[in-house]
PDB file of N, CA and C in Angstrom:
ATOM      1  N   MET A   1      -1.611   5.341  19.828  1.00  0.00           N
ATOM      2  CA  MET A   1      -2.228   5.637  18.556  1.00  0.00           C
ATOM      3  C   MET A   1      -2.943   4.383  18.025  1.00  0.00           C
ATOM      4  N   GLU A   2      -4.151   4.563  17.525  1.00  0.00           N
ATOM      5  CA  GLU A   2      -4.943   3.460  17.016  1.00  0.00           C
ATOM      6  C   GLU A   2      -4.360   2.950  15.704  1.00  0.00           C
ATOM      7  N   LYS A   3      -4.278   1.635  15.564  1.00  0.00           N
ATOM      8  CA  LYS A   3      -3.740   1.035  14.353  1.00  0.00           C
ATOM      9  C   LYS A   3      -4.779   1.146  13.231  1.00  0.00           C
ATOM     10  N   LYS A   4      -4.344   1.601  12.083  1.00  0.00           N
ATOM     11  CA  LYS A   4      -5.254   1.777  10.953  1.00  0.00           C
ATOM     12  C   LYS A   4      -5.296   0.511  10.101  1.00  0.00           C
ATOM     13  N   THR A   5      -6.348   0.370   9.349  1.00  0.00           N
ATOM     14  CA  THR A   5      -6.507  -0.777   8.464  1.00  0.00           C
ATOM     15  C   THR A   5      -6.330  -0.328   7.015  1.00  0.00           C
ATOM     16  N   TYR A   6      -6.268  -1.298   6.143  1.00  0.00           N
ATOM     17  CA  TYR A   6      -6.174  -1.012   4.716  1.00  0.00           C
ATOM     18  C   TYR A   6      -7.398  -0.211   4.252  1.00  0.00           C
ATOM     19  N   ALA A   7      -8.555  -0.573   4.749  1.00  0.00           N
ATOM     20  CA  ALA A   7      -9.794   0.148   4.394  1.00  0.00           C
ATOM     21  C   ALA A   7      -9.729   1.608   4.834  1.00  0.00           C
ATOM     22  N   ASP A   8      -9.129   1.864   6.008  1.00  0.00           N
ATOM     23  CA  ASP A   8      -8.967   3.246   6.476  1.00  0.00           C
ATOM     24  C   ASP A   8      -8.108   4.046   5.498  1.00  0.00           C
ATOM     25  N   TYR A   9      -7.061   3.404   5.021  1.00  0.00           N
ATOM     26  CA  TYR A   9      -6.171   4.093   4.082  1.00  0.00           C
ATOM     27  C   TYR A   9      -6.916   4.416   2.791  1.00  0.00           C
ATOM     28  N   LEU A  10      -7.696   3.487   2.301  1.00  0.00           N
ATOM     29  CA  LEU A  10      -8.433   3.715   1.058  1.00  0.00           C
ATOM     30  C   LEU A  10      -9.378   4.907   1.175  1.00  0.00           C
ATOM     31  N   LYS A  11      -9.940   5.094   2.354  1.00  0.00           N
ATOM     32  CA  LYS A  11     -10.864   6.213   2.569  1.00  0.00           C
ATOM     33  C   LYS A  11     -10.147   7.557   2.564  1.00  0.00           C
ATOM     34  N   THR A  12      -8.871   7.586   2.955  1.00  0.00           N
ATOM     35  CA  THR A  12      -8.161   8.852   3.106  1.00  0.00           C
ATOM     36  C   THR A  12      -7.356   9.259   1.885  1.00  0.00           C
ATOM     37  N   THR A  13      -7.166   8.374   0.941  1.00  0.00           N
ATOM     38  CA  THR A  13      -6.333   8.706  -0.212  1.00  0.00           C
ATOM     39  C   THR A  13      -7.176   9.294  -1.342  1.00  0.00           C
ATOM     40  N   ALA A  14      -6.606  10.239  -2.022  1.00  0.00           N
ATOM     41  CA  ALA A  14      -7.310  10.854  -3.155  1.00  0.00           C
ATOM     42  C   ALA A  14      -6.383  10.910  -4.359  1.00  0.00           C
ATOM     43  N   ASN A  15      -5.490   9.939  -4.472  1.00  0.00           N
ATOM     44  CA  ASN A  15      -4.498   9.918  -5.543  1.00  0.00           C
ATOM     45  C   ASN A  15      -5.162   9.534  -6.861  1.00  0.00           C
ATOM     46  N   THR A  16      -4.970  10.340  -7.885  1.00  0.00           N
ATOM     47  CA  THR A  16      -5.592  10.071  -9.181  1.00  0.00           C
ATOM     48  C   THR A  16      -4.557  10.043 -10.290  1.00  0.00           C
ATOM     49  N   THR A  17      -3.389   9.496 -10.024  1.00  0.00           N
ATOM     50  CA  THR A  17      -2.344   9.400 -11.041  1.00  0.00           C
ATOM     51  C   THR A  17      -2.717   8.359 -12.080  1.00  0.00           C
ATOM     52  N   ASN A  18      -1.957   8.313 -13.174  1.00  0.00           N
ATOM     53  CA  ASN A  18      -2.182   7.286 -14.192  1.00  0.00           C
ATOM     54  C   ASN A  18      -2.015   5.895 -13.600  1.00  0.00           C
ATOM     55  N   TYR A  19      -1.018   5.729 -12.716  1.00  0.00           N
ATOM     56  CA  TYR A  19      -0.815   4.440 -12.056  1.00  0.00           C
ATOM     57  C   TYR A  19      -2.080   4.047 -11.296  1.00  0.00           C
ATOM     58  N   ALA A  20      -2.651   4.986 -10.598  1.00  0.00           N
ATOM     59  CA  ALA A  20      -3.879   4.719  -9.840  1.00  0.00           C
ATOM     60  C   ALA A  20      -5.003   4.297 -10.774  1.00  0.00           C
ATOM     61  N   LYS A  21      -5.153   4.988 -11.872  1.00  0.00           N
ATOM     62  CA  LYS A  21      -6.239   4.676 -12.811  1.00  0.00           C
ATOM     63  C   LYS A  21      -6.062   3.298 -13.437  1.00  0.00           C
ATOM     64  N   MET A  22      -4.823   2.833 -13.543  1.00  0.00           N
ATOM     65  CA  MET A  22      -4.565   1.533 -14.143  1.00  0.00           C
ATOM     66  C   MET A  22      -4.654   0.394 -13.130  1.00  0.00           C
ATOM     67  N   THR A  23      -4.614   0.712 -11.836  1.00  0.00           N
ATOM     68  CA  THR A  23      -4.552  -0.354 -10.832  1.00  0.00           C
ATOM     69  C   THR A  23      -5.641  -0.209  -9.777  1.00  0.00           C
ATOM     70  N   TYR A  24      -5.332   0.434  -8.658  1.00  0.00           N
ATOM     71  CA  TYR A  24      -6.239   0.441  -7.512  1.00  0.00           C
ATOM     72  C   TYR A  24      -7.459   1.323  -7.672  1.00  0.00           C
ATOM     73  N   SER A  25      -7.489   2.199  -8.661  1.00  0.00           N
ATOM     74  CA  SER A  25      -8.689   3.004  -8.931  1.00  0.00           C
ATOM     75  C   SER A  25      -9.262   2.700 -10.309  1.00  0.00           C
ATOM     76  N   SER A  26      -8.890   1.566 -10.848  1.00  0.00           N
ATOM     77  CA  SER A  26      -9.314   1.175 -12.192  1.00  0.00           C
ATOM     78  C   SER A  26     -10.825   0.998 -12.259  1.00  0.00           C
ATOM     79  N   GLY A  27     -11.367   1.238 -13.431  1.00  0.00           N
ATOM     80  CA  GLY A  27     -12.778   0.971 -13.669  1.00  0.00           C
ATOM     81  C   GLY A  27     -13.056  -0.522 -13.806  1.00  0.00           C
ATOM     82  N   ASN A  28     -11.996  -1.298 -14.007  1.00  0.00           N
ATOM     83  CA  ASN A  28     -12.106  -2.744 -14.130  1.00  0.00           C
ATOM     84  C   ASN A  28     -12.115  -3.362 -12.732  1.00  0.00           C
ATOM     85  N   VAL A  29     -13.228  -3.941 -12.342  1.00  0.00           N
ATOM     86  CA  VAL A  29     -13.385  -4.448 -10.981  1.00  0.00           C
ATOM     87  C   VAL A  29     -12.388  -5.574 -10.672  1.00  0.00           C
ATOM     88  N   LEU A  30     -12.075  -6.419 -11.628  1.00  0.00           N
ATOM     89  CA  LEU A  30     -11.133  -7.505 -11.396  1.00  0.00           C
ATOM     90  C   LEU A  30      -9.714  -6.964 -11.176  1.00  0.00           C
ATOM     91  N   ARG A  31      -9.318  -5.999 -11.965  1.00  0.00           N
ATOM     92  CA  ARG A  31      -8.004  -5.380 -11.796  1.00  0.00           C
ATOM     93  C   ARG A  31      -7.899  -4.705 -10.428  1.00  0.00           C
ATOM     94  N   ARG A  32      -8.924  -3.967 -10.060  1.00  0.00           N
ATOM     95  CA  ARG A  32      -8.951  -3.269  -8.771  1.00  0.00           C
ATOM     96  C   ARG A  32      -8.908  -4.274  -7.610  1.00  0.00           C
ATOM     97  N   PHE A  33      -9.705  -5.317  -7.703  1.00  0.00           N
ATOM     98  CA  PHE A  33      -9.757  -6.342  -6.662  1.00  0.00           C
ATOM     99  C   PHE A  33      -8.405  -7.028  -6.491  1.00  0.00           C
ATOM    100  N   SER A  34      -7.786  -7.452  -7.602  1.00  0.00           N
ATOM    101  CA  SER A  34      -6.514  -8.176  -7.497  1.00  0.00           C
ATOM    102  C   SER A  34      -5.423  -7.290  -6.912  1.00  0.00           C
ATOM    103  N   HIS A  35      -5.436  -6.030  -7.234  1.00  0.00           N
ATOM    104  CA  HIS A  35      -4.433  -5.109  -6.690  1.00  0.00           C
ATOM    105  C   HIS A  35      -4.623  -4.935  -5.183  1.00  0.00           C
ATOM    106  N   HIS A  36      -5.852  -4.756  -4.751  1.00  0.00           N
ATOM    107  CA  HIS A  36      -6.130  -4.590  -3.319  1.00  0.00           C
ATOM    108  C   HIS A  36      -5.776  -5.854  -2.531  1.00  0.00           C
ATOM    109  N   VAL A  37      -6.110  -7.010  -3.067  1.00  0.00           N
ATOM    110  CA  VAL A  37      -5.800  -8.268  -2.386  1.00  0.00           C
ATOM    111  C   VAL A  37      -4.288  -8.448  -2.265  1.00  0.00           C
ATOM    112  N   ARG A  38      -3.569  -8.138  -3.316  1.00  0.00           N
ATOM    113  CA  ARG A  38      -2.103  -8.249  -3.292  1.00  0.00           C
ATOM    114  C   ARG A  38      -1.508  -7.334  -2.230  1.00  0.00           C
ATOM    115  N   PHE A  39      -1.992  -6.104  -2.135  1.00  0.00           N
ATOM    116  CA  PHE A  39      -1.526  -5.173  -1.099  1.00  0.00           C
ATOM    117  C   PHE A  39      -1.834  -5.711   0.295  1.00  0.00           C
ATOM    118  N   GLN A  40      -3.048  -6.179   0.504  1.00  0.00           N
ATOM    119  CA  GLN A  40      -3.446  -6.688   1.821  1.00  0.00           C
ATOM    120  C   GLN A  40      -2.589  -7.868   2.251  1.00  0.00           C
ATOM    121  N   LYS A  41      -2.349  -8.812   1.343  1.00  0.00           N
ATOM    122  CA  LYS A  41      -1.529  -9.979   1.673  1.00  0.00           C
ATOM    123  C   LYS A  41      -0.098  -9.562   1.974  1.00  0.00           C
ATOM    124  N   SER A  42       0.443  -8.663   1.195  1.00  0.00           N
ATOM    125  CA  SER A  42       1.820  -8.197   1.423  1.00  0.00           C
ATOM    126  C   SER A  42       1.950  -7.509   2.773  1.00  0.00           C
ATOM    127  N   ILE A  43       1.013  -6.662   3.105  1.00  0.00           N
ATOM    128  CA  ILE A  43       1.053  -5.951   4.384  1.00  0.00           C
ATOM    129  C   ILE A  43       0.924  -6.932   5.548  1.00  0.00           C
ATOM    130  N   SER A  44       0.060  -7.926   5.416  1.00  0.00           N
ATOM    131  CA  SER A  44      -0.089  -8.935   6.467  1.00  0.00           C
ATOM    132  C   SER A  44       1.221  -9.677   6.698  1.00  0.00           C
ATOM    133  N   MET A  45       1.900 -10.047   5.629  1.00  0.00           N
ATOM    134  CA  MET A  45       3.163 -10.780   5.752  1.00  0.00           C
ATOM    135  C   MET A  45       4.257  -9.897   6.341  1.00  0.00           C
ATOM    136  N   ILE A  46       4.335  -8.658   5.906  1.00  0.00           N
ATOM    137  CA  ILE A  46       5.352  -7.731   6.404  1.00  0.00           C
ATOM    138  C   ILE A  46       5.127  -7.439   7.884  1.00  0.00           C
ATOM    139  N   SER A  47       3.870  -7.386   8.289  1.00  0.00           N
ATOM    140  CA  SER A  47       3.532  -7.088   9.683  1.00  0.00           C
ATOM    141  C   SER A  47       4.035  -8.154  10.649  1.00  0.00           C
ATOM    142  N   LEU A  48       4.292  -9.344  10.158  1.00  0.00           N
ATOM    143  CA  LEU A  48       4.755 -10.435  11.006  1.00  0.00           C
ATOM    144  C   LEU A  48       6.225 -10.314  11.390  1.00  0.00           C
ATOM    145  N   VAL A  49       6.984  -9.492  10.672  1.00  0.00           N
ATOM    146  CA  VAL A  49       8.431  -9.390  10.882  1.00  0.00           C
ATOM    147  C   VAL A  49       8.748  -8.093  11.626  1.00  0.00           C
ATOM    148  N   LYS A  50       9.263  -8.220  12.840  1.00  0.00           N
ATOM    149  CA  LYS A  50       9.637  -7.035  13.643  1.00  0.00           C
ATOM    150  C   LYS A  50      10.896  -6.389  13.071  1.00  0.00           C
ATOM    151  N   GLY A  51      10.917  -5.066  13.010  1.00  0.00           N
ATOM    152  CA  GLY A  51      12.098  -4.311  12.616  1.00  0.00           C
ATOM    153  C   GLY A  51      12.495  -4.475  11.159  1.00  0.00           C
ATOM    154  N   ILE A  52      11.571  -4.853  10.316  1.00  0.00           N
ATOM    155  CA  ILE A  52      11.880  -5.075   8.906  1.00  0.00           C
ATOM    156  C   ILE A  52      12.247  -3.754   8.213  1.00  0.00           C
ATOM    157  N   ARG A  53      13.179  -3.831   7.298  1.00  0.00           N
ATOM    158  CA  ARG A  53      13.511  -2.705   6.422  1.00  0.00           C
ATOM    159  C   ARG A  53      13.131  -3.153   5.025  1.00  0.00           C
ATOM    160  N   LEU A  54      12.432  -2.294   4.307  1.00  0.00           N
ATOM    161  CA  LEU A  54      11.876  -2.689   3.022  1.00  0.00           C
ATOM    162  C   LEU A  54      12.173  -1.629   1.978  1.00  0.00           C
ATOM    163  N   LEU A  55      12.657  -2.068   0.820  1.00  0.00           N
ATOM    164  CA  LEU A  55      12.856  -1.182  -0.326  1.00  0.00           C
ATOM    165  C   LEU A  55      11.848  -1.584  -1.389  1.00  0.00           C
ATOM    166  N   ASP A  56      11.012  -0.658  -1.786  1.00  0.00           N
ATOM    167  CA  ASP A  56      10.034  -0.897  -2.845  1.00  0.00           C
ATOM    168  C   ASP A  56      10.619  -0.299  -4.120  1.00  0.00           C
ATOM    169  N   PHE A  57      11.284  -1.120  -4.889  1.00  0.00           N
ATOM    170  CA  PHE A  57      11.936  -0.678  -6.118  1.00  0.00           C
ATOM    171  C   PHE A  57      10.894  -0.629  -7.231  1.00  0.00           C
ATOM    172  N   GLY A  58      10.763   0.524  -7.884  1.00  0.00           N
ATOM    173  CA  GLY A  58       9.729   0.689  -8.903  1.00  0.00           C
ATOM    174  C   GLY A  58       8.368   0.864  -8.264  1.00  0.00           C
ATOM    175  N   CYS A  59       8.291   1.759  -7.298  1.00  0.00           N
ATOM    176  CA  CYS A  59       7.134   1.869  -6.402  1.00  0.00           C
ATOM    177  C   CYS A  59       5.926   2.568  -7.003  1.00  0.00           C
ATOM    178  N   GLY A  60       5.961   2.910  -8.275  1.00  0.00           N
ATOM    179  CA  GLY A  60       4.806   3.601  -8.858  1.00  0.00           C
ATOM    180  C   GLY A  60       4.623   4.954  -8.195  1.00  0.00           C
ATOM    181  N   ASP A  61       3.471   5.186  -7.638  1.00  0.00           N
ATOM    182  CA  ASP A  61       3.208   6.465  -6.978  1.00  0.00           C
ATOM    183  C   ASP A  61       3.496   6.435  -5.474  1.00  0.00           C
ATOM    184  N   GLY A  62       4.068   5.333  -4.981  1.00  0.00           N
ATOM    185  CA  GLY A  62       4.435   5.240  -3.572  1.00  0.00           C
ATOM    186  C   GLY A  62       3.300   4.838  -2.646  1.00  0.00           C
ATOM    187  N   ARG A  63       2.177   4.479  -3.196  1.00  0.00           N
ATOM    188  CA  ARG A  63       0.991   4.164  -2.392  1.00  0.00           C
ATOM    189  C   ARG A  63       1.234   3.028  -1.395  1.00  0.00           C
ATOM    190  N   PHE A  64       1.894   1.961  -1.841  1.00  0.00           N
ATOM    191  CA  PHE A  64       2.095   0.815  -0.968  1.00  0.00           C
ATOM    192  C   PHE A  64       2.875   1.196   0.287  1.00  0.00           C
ATOM    193  N   LEU A  65       3.972   1.899   0.137  1.00  0.00           N
ATOM    194  CA  LEU A  65       4.770   2.267   1.311  1.00  0.00           C
ATOM    195  C   LEU A  65       4.071   3.318   2.170  1.00  0.00           C
ATOM    196  N   ASN A  66       3.354   4.221   1.551  1.00  0.00           N
ATOM    197  CA  ASN A  66       2.579   5.189   2.343  1.00  0.00           C
ATOM    198  C   ASN A  66       1.536   4.463   3.181  1.00  0.00           C
ATOM    199  N   MET A  67       0.881   3.500   2.582  1.00  0.00           N
ATOM    200  CA  MET A  67      -0.122   2.717   3.279  1.00  0.00           C
ATOM    201  C   MET A  67       0.531   1.898   4.396  1.00  0.00           C
ATOM    202  N   LEU A  68       1.674   1.311   4.103  1.00  0.00           N
ATOM    203  CA  LEU A  68       2.392   0.520   5.096  1.00  0.00           C
ATOM    204  C   LEU A  68       2.837   1.382   6.271  1.00  0.00           C
ATOM    205  N   ASN A  69       3.292   2.588   6.008  1.00  0.00           N
ATOM    206  CA  ASN A  69       3.691   3.503   7.080  1.00  0.00           C
ATOM    207  C   ASN A  69       2.515   3.891   7.968  1.00  0.00           C
ATOM    208  N   LEU A  70       1.335   4.044   7.395  1.00  0.00           N
ATOM    209  CA  LEU A  70       0.151   4.376   8.192  1.00  0.00           C
ATOM    210  C   LEU A  70      -0.266   3.212   9.085  1.00  0.00           C
ATOM    211  N   ILE A  71      -0.131   2.011   8.580  1.00  0.00           N
ATOM    212  CA  ILE A  71      -0.607   0.840   9.298  1.00  0.00           C
ATOM    213  C   ILE A  71       0.439   0.292  10.261  1.00  0.00           C
ATOM    214  N   ASN A  72       1.687   0.220   9.843  1.00  0.00           N
ATOM    215  CA  ASN A  72       2.768  -0.359  10.649  1.00  0.00           C
ATOM    216  C   ASN A  72       3.771   0.722  11.001  1.00  0.00           C
ATOM    217  N   HIS A  73       3.583   1.353  12.110  1.00  0.00           N
ATOM    218  CA  HIS A  73       4.472   2.425  12.539  1.00  0.00           C
ATOM    219  C   HIS A  73       5.811   1.847  12.977  1.00  0.00           C
ATOM    220  N   GLY A  74       6.889   2.539  12.650  1.00  0.00           N
ATOM    221  CA  GLY A  74       8.201   2.155  13.159  1.00  0.00           C
ATOM    222  C   GLY A  74       9.035   1.294  12.234  1.00  0.00           C
ATOM    223  N   GLY A  75       8.537   0.915  11.082  1.00  0.00           N
ATOM    224  CA  GLY A  75       9.345   0.138  10.153  1.00  0.00           C
ATOM    225  C   GLY A  75      10.247   1.045   9.343  1.00  0.00           C
ATOM    226  N   GLY A  76      11.226   0.462   8.688  1.00  0.00           N
ATOM    227  CA  GLY A  76      12.099   1.224   7.808  1.00  0.00           C
ATOM    228  C   GLY A  76      11.698   0.972   6.374  1.00  0.00           C
ATOM    229  N   TYR A  77      10.910   1.850   5.803  1.00  0.00           N
ATOM    230  CA  TYR A  77      10.386   1.659   4.472  1.00  0.00           C
ATOM    231  C   TYR A  77      10.923   2.745   3.539  1.00  0.00           C
ATOM    232  N   PHE A  78      11.425   2.315   2.373  1.00  0.00           N
ATOM    233  CA  PHE A  78      12.028   3.235   1.424  1.00  0.00           C
ATOM    234  C   PHE A  78      11.496   2.927   0.034  1.00  0.00           C
ATOM    235  N   ASN A  79      11.366   3.972  -0.772  1.00  0.00           N
ATOM    236  CA  ASN A  79      10.954   3.709  -2.156  1.00  0.00           C
ATOM    237  C   ASN A  79      12.003   4.235  -3.119  1.00  0.00           C
ATOM    238  N   TRP A  80      11.989   3.665  -4.300  1.00  0.00           N
ATOM    239  CA  TRP A  80      12.910   4.032  -5.358  1.00  0.00           C
ATOM    240  C   TRP A  80      12.130   4.023  -6.659  1.00  0.00           C
ATOM    241  N   ILE A  81      11.931   5.194  -7.231  1.00  0.00           N
ATOM    242  CA  ILE A  81      11.121   5.296  -8.444  1.00  0.00           C
ATOM    243  C   ILE A  81      11.979   5.079  -9.660  1.00  0.00           C
TER     244      ILE A  81
END
């Protein structure tokens, strides 16, 4: 299976929750940029650790872990709202 990128995930998501409007889909370009950069850096760091298990406490709409599951297959990722 081909490994997906963060950009691939952005193209496939259509989430329009309030969380999305305040962060990654915000009309504010600086807010949107900082959120995307933070996600990209986190995913890059997590990708370096084999067999990592991750709990995203306060995960908002779950976007980060959904994105991580698409990009890094086989990790143990859990969310807690």
